[in-house]
Amino acid sequence: MTSFDDREKAFEAKFAHDADLRFRILARRGKLIGLWAAEKLGKSGAMAEDYAKSVLLSDLEVPGDSDIIAKLLADLAPLGVGEGDIKAMLAEKLAQAETQVMGEA
């Protein structure tokens, strides 16, 4: 029984670790895409950081990427940035975030 309990605890610990890692990666992606969009909007310094935080918070509204895409599209459409551009950048920033977070772990 002990080895079964140990195995169960190990699976639970791995699940918790993986969930935490996924959250950190998505949070980093949100910040990176927010900073990218801030640059497009001509923001820098504290204004860029504040904008990145607003993008990150918008990503917490509903599951999936539709909320962050909608915010970025609303803000960047006047600059000629389309949904395809945003989705491509989300994928690029996700890869960057994974590399950064995994480098910290």
PDB file of N, CA and C in Angstrom:
ATOM      1  N   MET A   1       0.802  -1.198   0.000  1.00  0.00           N
ATOM      2  CA  MET A   1       0.000   0.000   0.000  1.00  0.00           C
ATOM      3  C   MET A   1       0.849   1.268   0.000  1.00  0.00           C
ATOM      4  N   THR A   2       1.962   1.227   0.672  1.00  0.00           N
ATOM      5  CA  THR A   2       2.795   2.415   0.783  1.00  0.00           C
ATOM      6  C   THR A   2       3.307   2.866  -0.576  1.00  0.00           C
ATOM      7  N   SER A   3       3.741   1.942  -1.414  1.00  0.00           N
ATOM      8  CA  SER A   3       4.256   2.337  -2.725  1.00  0.00           C
ATOM      9  C   SER A   3       3.140   2.928  -3.587  1.00  0.00           C
ATOM     10  N   PHE A   4       1.918   2.415  -3.438  1.00  0.00           N
ATOM     11  CA  PHE A   4       0.796   2.992  -4.171  1.00  0.00           C
ATOM     12  C   PHE A   4       0.528   4.424  -3.706  1.00  0.00           C
ATOM     13  N   ASP A   5       0.554   4.644  -2.411  1.00  0.00           N
ATOM     14  CA  ASP A   5       0.349   5.988  -1.862  1.00  0.00           C
ATOM     15  C   ASP A   5       1.464   6.934  -2.309  1.00  0.00           C
ATOM     16  N   ASP A   6       2.689   6.442  -2.292  1.00  0.00           N
ATOM     17  CA  ASP A   6       3.819   7.254  -2.746  1.00  0.00           C
ATOM     18  C   ASP A   6       3.668   7.618  -4.221  1.00  0.00           C
ATOM     19  N   ARG A   7       3.243   6.656  -5.009  1.00  0.00           N
ATOM     20  CA  ARG A   7       3.056   6.895  -6.436  1.00  0.00           C
ATOM     21  C   ARG A   7       1.949   7.922  -6.672  1.00  0.00           C
ATOM     22  N   GLU A   8       0.857   7.815  -5.920  1.00  0.00           N
ATOM     23  CA  GLU A   8      -0.238   8.766  -6.041  1.00  0.00           C
ATOM     24  C   GLU A   8       0.229  10.175  -5.675  1.00  0.00           C
ATOM     25  N   LYS A   9       0.986  10.299  -4.603  1.00  0.00           N
ATOM     26  CA  LYS A   9       1.498  11.600  -4.182  1.00  0.00           C
ATOM     27  C   LYS A   9       2.450  12.173  -5.232  1.00  0.00           C
ATOM     28  N   ALA A  10       3.238  11.317  -5.846  1.00  0.00           N
ATOM     29  CA  ALA A  10       4.158  11.773  -6.884  1.00  0.00           C
ATOM     30  C   ALA A  10       3.387  12.300  -8.097  1.00  0.00           C
ATOM     31  N   PHE A  11       2.318  11.595  -8.499  1.00  0.00           N
ATOM     32  CA  PHE A  11       1.497  12.063  -9.620  1.00  0.00           C
ATOM     33  C   PHE A  11       0.826  13.392  -9.285  1.00  0.00           C
ATOM     34  N   GLU A  12       0.336  13.523  -8.060  1.00  0.00           N
ATOM     35  CA  GLU A  12      -0.299  14.770  -7.641  1.00  0.00           C
ATOM     36  C   GLU A  12       0.707  15.915  -7.638  1.00  0.00           C
ATOM     37  N   ALA A  13       1.910  15.650  -7.170  1.00  0.00           N
ATOM     38  CA  ALA A  13       2.948  16.673  -7.145  1.00  0.00           C
ATOM     39  C   ALA A  13       3.336  17.085  -8.560  1.00  0.00           C
ATOM     40  N   LYS A  14       3.444  16.111  -9.458  1.00  0.00           N
ATOM     41  CA  LYS A  14       3.773  16.422 -10.852  1.00  0.00           C
ATOM     42  C   LYS A  14       2.670  17.239 -11.496  1.00  0.00           C
ATOM     43  N   PHE A  15       1.424  16.876 -11.248  1.00  0.00           N
ATOM     44  CA  PHE A  15       0.299  17.623 -11.794  1.00  0.00           C
ATOM     45  C   PHE A  15       0.328  19.072 -11.309  1.00  0.00           C
ATOM     46  N   ALA A  16       0.555  19.269 -10.015  1.00  0.00           N
ATOM     47  CA  ALA A  16       0.616  20.616  -9.453  1.00  0.00           C
ATOM     48  C   ALA A  16       1.782  21.401 -10.047  1.00  0.00           C
ATOM     49  N   HIS A  17       2.918  20.742 -10.191  1.00  0.00           N
ATOM     50  CA  HIS A  17       4.091  21.396 -10.779  1.00  0.00           C
ATOM     51  C   HIS A  17       3.819  21.800 -12.216  1.00  0.00           C
ATOM     52  N   ASP A  18       3.246  20.891 -13.002  1.00  0.00           N
ATOM     53  CA  ASP A  18       2.942  21.178 -14.409  1.00  0.00           C
ATOM     54  C   ASP A  18       1.930  22.316 -14.546  1.00  0.00           C
ATOM     55  N   ALA A  19       0.921  22.340 -13.665  1.00  0.00           N
ATOM     56  CA  ALA A  19      -0.081  23.408 -13.703  1.00  0.00           C
ATOM     57  C   ALA A  19       0.563  24.753 -13.367  1.00  0.00           C
ATOM     58  N   ASP A  20       1.433  24.763 -12.381  1.00  0.00           N
ATOM     59  CA  ASP A  20       2.129  25.990 -12.006  1.00  0.00           C
ATOM     60  C   ASP A  20       3.030  26.467 -13.136  1.00  0.00           C
ATOM     61  N   LEU A  21       3.728  25.551 -13.759  1.00  0.00           N
ATOM     62  CA  LEU A  21       4.606  25.880 -14.865  1.00  0.00           C
ATOM     63  C   LEU A  21       3.813  26.461 -16.027  1.00  0.00           C
ATOM     64  N   ARG A  22       2.681  25.848 -16.362  1.00  0.00           N
ATOM     65  CA  ARG A  22       1.831  26.328 -17.453  1.00  0.00           C
ATOM     66  C   ARG A  22       1.321  27.738 -17.150  1.00  0.00           C
ATOM     67  N   PHE A  23       0.911  27.977 -15.912  1.00  0.00           N
ATOM     68  CA  PHE A  23       0.444  29.303 -15.517  1.00  0.00           C
ATOM     69  C   PHE A  23       1.556  30.340 -15.688  1.00  0.00           C
ATOM     70  N   ARG A  24       2.753  30.006 -15.230  1.00  0.00           N
ATOM     71  CA  ARG A  24       3.875  30.944 -15.342  1.00  0.00           C
ATOM     72  C   ARG A  24       4.234  31.230 -16.789  1.00  0.00           C
ATOM     73  N   ILE A  25       4.170  30.205 -17.632  1.00  0.00           N
ATOM     74  CA  ILE A  25       4.468  30.395 -19.049  1.00  0.00           C
ATOM     75  C   ILE A  25       3.427  31.301 -19.694  1.00  0.00           C
ATOM     76  N   LEU A  26       2.149  31.055 -19.418  1.00  0.00           N
ATOM     77  CA  LEU A  26       1.098  31.889 -20.011  1.00  0.00           C
ATOM     78  C   LEU A  26       1.156  33.326 -19.479  1.00  0.00           C
ATOM     79  N   ALA A  27       1.508  33.490 -18.213  1.00  0.00           N
ATOM     80  CA  ALA A  27       1.657  34.839 -17.671  1.00  0.00           C
ATOM     81  C   ALA A  27       2.819  35.562 -18.344  1.00  0.00           C
ATOM     82  N   ARG A  28       3.914  34.871 -18.538  1.00  0.00           N
ATOM     83  CA  ARG A  28       5.072  35.472 -19.224  1.00  0.00           C
ATOM     84  C   ARG A  28       4.706  35.813 -20.666  1.00  0.00           C
ATOM     85  N   ARG A  29       3.979  34.918 -21.334  1.00  0.00           N
ATOM     86  CA  ARG A  29       3.544  35.195 -22.710  1.00  0.00           C
ATOM     87  C   ARG A  29       2.685  36.454 -22.747  1.00  0.00           C
ATOM     88  N   GLY A  30       1.776  36.590 -21.780  1.00  0.00           N
ATOM     89  CA  GLY A  30       0.919  37.771 -21.729  1.00  0.00           C
ATOM     90  C   GLY A  30       1.718  39.049 -21.579  1.00  0.00           C
ATOM     91  N   LYS A  31       2.734  38.998 -20.737  1.00  0.00           N
ATOM     92  CA  LYS A  31       3.578  40.181 -20.558  1.00  0.00           C
ATOM     93  C   LYS A  31       4.359  40.478 -21.835  1.00  0.00           C
ATOM     94  N   LEU A  32       4.924  39.443 -22.451  1.00  0.00           N
ATOM     95  CA  LEU A  32       5.703  39.645 -23.667  1.00  0.00           C
ATOM     96  C   LEU A  32       4.855  40.205 -24.804  1.00  0.00           C
ATOM     97  N   ILE A  33       3.654  39.664 -24.980  1.00  0.00           N
ATOM     98  CA  ILE A  33       2.791  40.168 -26.059  1.00  0.00           C
ATOM     99  C   ILE A  33       2.322  41.580 -25.732  1.00  0.00           C
ATOM    100  N   GLY A  34       2.114  41.850 -24.435  1.00  0.00           N
ATOM    101  CA  GLY A  34       1.730  43.200 -24.034  1.00  0.00           C
ATOM    102  C   GLY A  34       2.823  44.215 -24.311  1.00  0.00           C
ATOM    103  N   LEU A  35       4.064  43.832 -24.052  1.00  0.00           N
ATOM    104  CA  LEU A  35       5.186  44.726 -24.342  1.00  0.00           C
ATOM    105  C   LEU A  35       5.364  44.930 -25.845  1.00  0.00           C
ATOM    106  N   TRP A  36       5.130  43.875 -26.626  1.00  0.00           N
ATOM    107  CA  TRP A  36       5.179  43.980 -28.086  1.00  0.00           C
ATOM    108  C   TRP A  36       4.127  44.972 -28.571  1.00  0.00           C
ATOM    109  N   ALA A  37       2.896  44.825 -28.065  1.00  0.00           N
ATOM    110  CA  ALA A  37       1.804  45.715 -28.474  1.00  0.00           C
ATOM    111  C   ALA A  37       2.072  47.145 -28.009  1.00  0.00           C
ATOM    112  N   ALA A  38       2.612  47.292 -26.805  1.00  0.00           N
ATOM    113  CA  ALA A  38       2.925  48.625 -26.290  1.00  0.00           C
ATOM    114  C   ALA A  38       3.920  49.331 -27.202  1.00  0.00           C
ATOM    115  N   GLU A  39       4.905  48.579 -27.671  1.00  0.00           N
ATOM    116  CA  GLU A  39       5.886  49.155 -28.593  1.00  0.00           C
ATOM    117  C   GLU A  39       5.202  49.605 -29.882  1.00  0.00           C
ATOM    118  N   LYS A  40       4.291  48.778 -30.392  1.00  0.00           N
ATOM    119  CA  LYS A  40       3.539  49.135 -31.600  1.00  0.00           C
ATOM    120  C   LYS A  40       2.745  50.420 -31.382  1.00  0.00           C
ATOM    121  N   LEU A  41       2.244  50.596 -30.154  1.00  0.00           N
ATOM    122  CA  LEU A  41       1.427  51.763 -29.826  1.00  0.00           C
ATOM    123  C   LEU A  41       2.262  52.981 -29.443  1.00  0.00           C
ATOM    124  N   GLY A  42       3.579  52.829 -29.448  1.00  0.00           N
ATOM    125  CA  GLY A  42       4.469  53.942 -29.142  1.00  0.00           C
ATOM    126  C   GLY A  42       4.661  54.185 -27.660  1.00  0.00           C
ATOM    127  N   LYS A  43       4.351  53.193 -26.843  1.00  0.00           N
ATOM    128  CA  LYS A  43       4.518  53.333 -25.392  1.00  0.00           C
ATOM    129  C   LYS A  43       5.890  52.802 -24.986  1.00  0.00           C
ATOM    130  N   SER A  44       6.452  53.396 -23.954  1.00  0.00           N
ATOM    131  CA  SER A  44       7.734  52.916 -23.441  1.00  0.00           C
ATOM    132  C   SER A  44       7.777  53.109 -21.936  1.00  0.00           C
ATOM    133  N   GLY A  45       8.757  52.497 -21.325  1.00  0.00           N
ATOM    134  CA  GLY A  45       8.964  52.635 -19.895  1.00  0.00           C
ATOM    135  C   GLY A  45       7.784  52.157 -19.070  1.00  0.00           C
ATOM    136  N   ALA A  46       7.399  52.971 -18.099  1.00  0.00           N
ATOM    137  CA  ALA A  46       6.311  52.607 -17.192  1.00  0.00           C
ATOM    138  C   ALA A  46       4.983  52.463 -17.926  1.00  0.00           C
ATOM    139  N   MET A  47       4.779  53.286 -18.948  1.00  0.00           N
ATOM    140  CA  MET A  47       3.533  53.185 -19.719  1.00  0.00           C
ATOM    141  C   MET A  47       3.446  51.841 -20.433  1.00  0.00           C
ATOM    142  N   ALA A  48       4.558  51.353 -20.940  1.00  0.00           N
ATOM    143  CA  ALA A  48       4.589  50.052 -21.605  1.00  0.00           C
ATOM    144  C   ALA A  48       4.332  48.936 -20.599  1.00  0.00           C
ATOM    145  N   GLU A  49       4.929  49.041 -19.429  1.00  0.00           N
ATOM    146  CA  GLU A  49       4.715  48.040 -18.375  1.00  0.00           C
ATOM    147  C   GLU A  49       3.254  48.020 -17.940  1.00  0.00           C
ATOM    148  N   ASP A  50       2.652  49.204 -17.770  1.00  0.00           N
ATOM    149  CA  ASP A  50       1.243  49.282 -17.388  1.00  0.00           C
ATOM    150  C   ASP A  50       0.342  48.681 -18.463  1.00  0.00           C
ATOM    151  N   TYR A  51       0.660  48.964 -19.711  1.00  0.00           N
ATOM    152  CA  TYR A  51      -0.137  48.406 -20.797  1.00  0.00           C
ATOM    153  C   TYR A  51       0.002  46.874 -20.818  1.00  0.00           C
ATOM    154  N   ALA A  52       1.217  46.371 -20.630  1.00  0.00           N
ATOM    155  CA  ALA A  52       1.446  44.921 -20.608  1.00  0.00           C
ATOM    156  C   ALA A  52       0.640  44.271 -19.485  1.00  0.00           C
ATOM    157  N   LYS A  53       0.552  44.942 -18.339  1.00  0.00           N
ATOM    158  CA  LYS A  53      -0.255  44.417 -17.227  1.00  0.00           C
ATOM    159  C   LYS A  53      -1.727  44.375 -17.603  1.00  0.00           C
ATOM    160  N   SER A  54      -2.196  45.393 -18.316  1.00  0.00           N
ATOM    161  CA  SER A  54      -3.606  45.409 -18.722  1.00  0.00           C
ATOM    162  C   SER A  54      -3.897  44.282 -19.706  1.00  0.00           C
ATOM    163  N   VAL A  55      -2.934  43.974 -20.563  1.00  0.00           N
ATOM    164  CA  VAL A  55      -3.096  42.858 -21.497  1.00  0.00           C
ATOM    165  C   VAL A  55      -3.124  41.544 -20.726  1.00  0.00           C
ATOM    166  N   LEU A  56      -2.233  41.405 -19.783  1.00  0.00           N
ATOM    167  CA  LEU A  56      -2.182  40.200 -18.961  1.00  0.00           C
ATOM    168  C   LEU A  56      -3.493  40.000 -18.204  1.00  0.00           C
ATOM    169  N   LEU A  57      -4.021  41.061 -17.628  1.00  0.00           N
ATOM    170  CA  LEU A  57      -5.295  40.963 -16.903  1.00  0.00           C
ATOM    171  C   LEU A  57      -6.453  40.631 -17.835  1.00  0.00           C
ATOM    172  N   SER A  58      -6.413  41.132 -19.057  1.00  0.00           N
ATOM    173  CA  SER A  58      -7.495  40.828 -19.996  1.00  0.00           C
ATOM    174  C   SER A  58      -7.493  39.344 -20.364  1.00  0.00           C
ATOM    175  N   ASP A  59      -6.334  38.713 -20.274  1.00  0.00           N
ATOM    176  CA  ASP A  59      -6.230  37.292 -20.612  1.00  0.00           C
ATOM    177  C   ASP A  59      -6.849  36.410 -19.538  1.00  0.00           C
ATOM    178  N   LEU A  60      -7.176  36.972 -18.386  1.00  0.00           N
ATOM    179  CA  LEU A  60      -7.748  36.193 -17.298  1.00  0.00           C
ATOM    180  C   LEU A  60      -9.279  36.222 -17.296  1.00  0.00           C
ATOM    181  N   GLU A  61      -9.882  36.934 -18.247  1.00  0.00           N
ATOM    182  CA  GLU A  61     -11.332  37.104 -18.241  1.00  0.00           C
ATOM    183  C   GLU A  61     -12.083  35.823 -18.597  1.00  0.00           C
ATOM    184  N   VAL A  62     -11.693  35.159 -19.667  1.00  0.00           N
ATOM    185  CA  VAL A  62     -12.341  33.909 -20.074  1.00  0.00           C
ATOM    186  C   VAL A  62     -11.259  32.911 -20.481  1.00  0.00           C
ATOM    187  N   PRO A  63     -11.535  31.627 -20.365  1.00  0.00           N
ATOM    188  CA  PRO A  63     -10.545  30.630 -20.783  1.00  0.00           C
ATOM    189  C   PRO A  63     -10.230  30.759 -22.280  1.00  0.00           C
ATOM    190  N   GLY A  64      -9.005  30.455 -22.619  1.00  0.00           N
ATOM    191  CA  GLY A  64      -8.594  30.526 -24.014  1.00  0.00           C
ATOM    192  C   GLY A  64      -7.982  31.878 -24.341  1.00  0.00           C
ATOM    193  N   ASP A  65      -7.720  32.071 -25.609  1.00  0.00           N
ATOM    194  CA  ASP A  65      -7.038  33.282 -26.054  1.00  0.00           C
ATOM    195  C   ASP A  65      -7.975  34.342 -26.624  1.00  0.00           C
ATOM    196  N   SER A  66      -9.266  34.068 -26.693  1.00  0.00           N
ATOM    197  CA  SER A  66     -10.185  34.996 -27.359  1.00  0.00           C
ATOM    198  C   SER A  66     -10.202  36.368 -26.683  1.00  0.00           C
ATOM    199  N   ASP A  67     -10.085  36.419 -25.377  1.00  0.00           N
ATOM    200  CA  ASP A  67     -10.118  37.701 -24.679  1.00  0.00           C
ATOM    201  C   ASP A  67      -8.880  38.543 -24.956  1.00  0.00           C
ATOM    202  N   ILE A  68      -7.724  37.933 -24.958  1.00  0.00           N
ATOM    203  CA  ILE A  68      -6.495  38.682 -25.225  1.00  0.00           C
ATOM    204  C   ILE A  68      -6.438  39.110 -26.693  1.00  0.00           C
ATOM    205  N   ILE A  69      -6.912  38.246 -27.587  1.00  0.00           N
ATOM    206  CA  ILE A  69      -6.950  38.591 -29.009  1.00  0.00           C
ATOM    207  C   ILE A  69      -7.892  39.768 -29.230  1.00  0.00           C
ATOM    208  N   ALA A  70      -9.061  39.748 -28.588  1.00  0.00           N
ATOM    209  CA  ALA A  70     -10.027  40.832 -28.748  1.00  0.00           C
ATOM    210  C   ALA A  70      -9.450  42.164 -28.270  1.00  0.00           C
ATOM    211  N   LYS A  71      -8.767  42.154 -27.118  1.00  0.00           N
ATOM    212  CA  LYS A  71      -8.179  43.399 -26.601  1.00  0.00           C
ATOM    213  C   LYS A  71      -7.109  43.920 -27.548  1.00  0.00           C
ATOM    214  N   LEU A  72      -6.213  43.036 -27.957  1.00  0.00           N
ATOM    215  CA  LEU A  72      -5.125  43.473 -28.834  1.00  0.00           C
ATOM    216  C   LEU A  72      -5.653  43.926 -30.186  1.00  0.00           C
ATOM    217  N   LEU A  73      -6.648  43.233 -30.694  1.00  0.00           N
ATOM    218  CA  LEU A  73      -7.235  43.606 -31.984  1.00  0.00           C
ATOM    219  C   LEU A  73      -7.884  44.987 -31.884  1.00  0.00           C
ATOM    220  N   ALA A  74      -8.613  45.231 -30.807  1.00  0.00           N
ATOM    221  CA  ALA A  74      -9.251  46.535 -30.623  1.00  0.00           C
ATOM    222  C   ALA A  74      -8.209  47.660 -30.553  1.00  0.00           C
ATOM    223  N   ASP A  75      -7.095  47.378 -29.877  1.00  0.00           N
ATOM    224  CA  ASP A  75      -6.060  48.405 -29.706  1.00  0.00           C
ATOM    225  C   ASP A  75      -5.172  48.575 -30.935  1.00  0.00           C
ATOM    226  N   LEU A  76      -4.928  47.477 -31.656  1.00  0.00           N
ATOM    227  CA  LEU A  76      -3.945  47.517 -32.741  1.00  0.00           C
ATOM    228  C   LEU A  76      -4.545  47.573 -34.146  1.00  0.00           C
ATOM    229  N   ALA A  77      -5.828  47.323 -34.292  1.00  0.00           N
ATOM    230  CA  ALA A  77      -6.453  47.346 -35.619  1.00  0.00           C
ATOM    231  C   ALA A  77      -6.242  48.680 -36.332  1.00  0.00           C
ATOM    232  N   PRO A  78      -6.335  49.819 -35.633  1.00  0.00           N
ATOM    233  CA  PRO A  78      -6.086  51.089 -36.332  1.00  0.00           C
ATOM    234  C   PRO A  78      -4.679  51.212 -36.912  1.00  0.00           C
ATOM    235  N   LEU A  79      -3.772  50.388 -36.422  1.00  0.00           N
ATOM    236  CA  LEU A  79      -2.389  50.403 -36.925  1.00  0.00           C
ATOM    237  C   LEU A  79      -2.182  49.385 -38.038  1.00  0.00           C
ATOM    238  N   GLY A  80      -3.263  48.691 -38.424  1.00  0.00           N
ATOM    239  CA  GLY A  80      -3.165  47.710 -39.500  1.00  0.00           C
ATOM    240  C   GLY A  80      -2.770  46.316 -39.050  1.00  0.00           C
ATOM    241  N   VAL A  81      -2.799  46.073 -37.754  1.00  0.00           N
ATOM    242  CA  VAL A  81      -2.470  44.755 -37.221  1.00  0.00           C
ATOM    243  C   VAL A  81      -3.751  43.932 -37.183  1.00  0.00           C
ATOM    244  N   GLY A  82      -3.739  42.761 -37.841  1.00  0.00           N
ATOM    245  CA  GLY A  82      -4.918  41.920 -37.912  1.00  0.00           C
ATOM    246  C   GLY A  82      -4.864  40.751 -36.944  1.00  0.00           C
ATOM    247  N   GLU A  83      -5.957  40.001 -36.925  1.00  0.00           N
ATOM    248  CA  GLU A  83      -6.056  38.860 -36.021  1.00  0.00           C
ATOM    249  C   GLU A  83      -4.978  37.820 -36.320  1.00  0.00           C
ATOM    250  N   GLY A  84      -4.685  37.589 -37.579  1.00  0.00           N
ATOM    251  CA  GLY A  84      -3.637  36.634 -37.948  1.00  0.00           C
ATOM    252  C   GLY A  84      -2.278  37.048 -37.420  1.00  0.00           C
ATOM    253  N   ASP A  85      -2.011  38.354 -37.480  1.00  0.00           N
ATOM    254  CA  ASP A  85      -0.745  38.876 -36.945  1.00  0.00           C
ATOM    255  C   ASP A  85      -0.652  38.633 -35.442  1.00  0.00           C
ATOM    256  N   ILE A  86      -1.765  38.864 -34.763  1.00  0.00           N
ATOM    257  CA  ILE A  86      -1.795  38.692 -33.307  1.00  0.00           C
ATOM    258  C   ILE A  86      -1.622  37.222 -32.939  1.00  0.00           C
ATOM    259  N   LYS A  87      -2.307  36.337 -33.660  1.00  0.00           N
ATOM    260  CA  LYS A  87      -2.181  34.905 -33.369  1.00  0.00           C
ATOM    261  C   LYS A  87      -0.752  34.423 -33.619  1.00  0.00           C
ATOM    262  N   ALA A  88      -0.142  34.899 -34.687  1.00  0.00           N
ATOM    263  CA  ALA A  88       1.245  34.516 -34.973  1.00  0.00           C
ATOM    264  C   ALA A  88       2.177  35.017 -33.873  1.00  0.00           C
ATOM    265  N   MET A  89       1.933  36.245 -33.413  1.00  0.00           N
ATOM    266  CA  MET A  89       2.778  36.793 -32.358  1.00  0.00           C
ATOM    267  C   MET A  89       2.544  36.069 -31.041  1.00  0.00           C
ATOM    268  N   LEU A  90       1.299  35.661 -30.767  1.00  0.00           N
ATOM    269  CA  LEU A  90       1.031  34.869 -29.554  1.00  0.00           C
ATOM    270  C   LEU A  90       1.835  33.575 -29.578  1.00  0.00           C
ATOM    271  N   ALA A  91       1.895  32.917 -30.723  1.00  0.00           N
ATOM    272  CA  ALA A  91       2.664  31.678 -30.843  1.00  0.00           C
ATOM    273  C   ALA A  91       4.152  31.947 -30.640  1.00  0.00           C
ATOM    274  N   GLU A  92       4.641  33.024 -31.227  1.00  0.00           N
ATOM    275  CA  GLU A  92       6.060  33.372 -31.079  1.00  0.00           C
ATOM    276  C   GLU A  92       6.392  33.699 -29.622  1.00  0.00           C
ATOM    277  N   LYS A  93       5.528  34.479 -28.984  1.00  0.00           N
ATOM    278  CA  LYS A  93       5.779  34.869 -27.589  1.00  0.00           C
ATOM    279  C   LYS A  93       5.608  33.682 -26.647  1.00  0.00           C
ATOM    280  N   LEU A  94       4.748  32.722 -27.000  1.00  0.00           N
ATOM    281  CA  LEU A  94       4.617  31.509 -26.189  1.00  0.00           C
ATOM    282  C   LEU A  94       5.929  30.732 -26.211  1.00  0.00           C
ATOM    283  N   ALA A  95       6.529  30.609 -27.377  1.00  0.00           N
ATOM    284  CA  ALA A  95       7.809  29.907 -27.481  1.00  0.00           C
ATOM    285  C   ALA A  95       8.886  30.625 -26.664  1.00  0.00           C
ATOM    286  N   GLN A  96       8.913  31.956 -26.735  1.00  0.00           N
ATOM    287  CA  GLN A  96       9.874  32.730 -25.946  1.00  0.00           C
ATOM    288  C   GLN A  96       9.636  32.533 -24.454  1.00  0.00           C
ATOM    289  N   ALA A  97       8.367  32.566 -24.057  1.00  0.00           N
ATOM    290  CA  ALA A  97       8.021  32.415 -22.645  1.00  0.00           C
ATOM    291  C   ALA A  97       8.426  31.039 -22.131  1.00  0.00           C
ATOM    292  N   GLU A  98       8.192  30.004 -22.926  1.00  0.00           N
ATOM    293  CA  GLU A  98       8.590  28.651 -22.517  1.00  0.00           C
ATOM    294  C   GLU A  98      10.085  28.579 -22.300  1.00  0.00           C
ATOM    295  N   THR A  99      10.840  29.144 -23.219  1.00  0.00           N
ATOM    296  CA  THR A  99      12.294  29.139 -23.102  1.00  0.00           C
ATOM    297  C   THR A  99      12.741  29.889 -21.850  1.00  0.00           C
ATOM    298  N   GLN A 100      12.150  31.051 -21.608  1.00  0.00           N
ATOM    299  CA  GLN A 100      12.539  31.848 -20.449  1.00  0.00           C
ATOM    300  C   GLN A 100      12.173  31.153 -19.131  1.00  0.00           C
ATOM    301  N   VAL A 101      10.945  30.660 -19.045  1.00  0.00           N
ATOM    302  CA  VAL A 101      10.499  30.040 -17.792  1.00  0.00           C
ATOM    303  C   VAL A 101      11.255  28.746 -17.533  1.00  0.00           C
ATOM    304  N   MET A 102      11.460  27.958 -18.563  1.00  0.00           N
ATOM    305  CA  MET A 102      12.179  26.692 -18.380  1.00  0.00           C
ATOM    306  C   MET A 102      13.644  26.964 -18.007  1.00  0.00           C
ATOM    307  N   GLY A 103      14.187  28.073 -18.462  1.00  0.00           N
ATOM    308  CA  GLY A 103      15.551  28.459 -18.101  1.00  0.00           C
ATOM    309  C   GLY A 103      15.662  28.855 -16.642  1.00  0.00           C
ATOM    310  N   GLU A 104      14.552  29.342 -16.075  1.00  0.00           N
ATOM    311  CA  GLU A 104      14.538  29.729 -14.664  1.00  0.00           C
ATOM    312  C   GLU A 104      14.348  28.542 -13.749  1.00  0.00           C
ATOM    313  N   ALA A 105      13.660  27.513 -14.258  1.00  0.00           N
ATOM    314  CA  ALA A 105      13.298  26.357 -13.416  1.00  0.00           C
ATOM    315  C   ALA A 105      14.464  25.484 -13.092  1.00  0.00           C
TER     316      ALA A 105
END
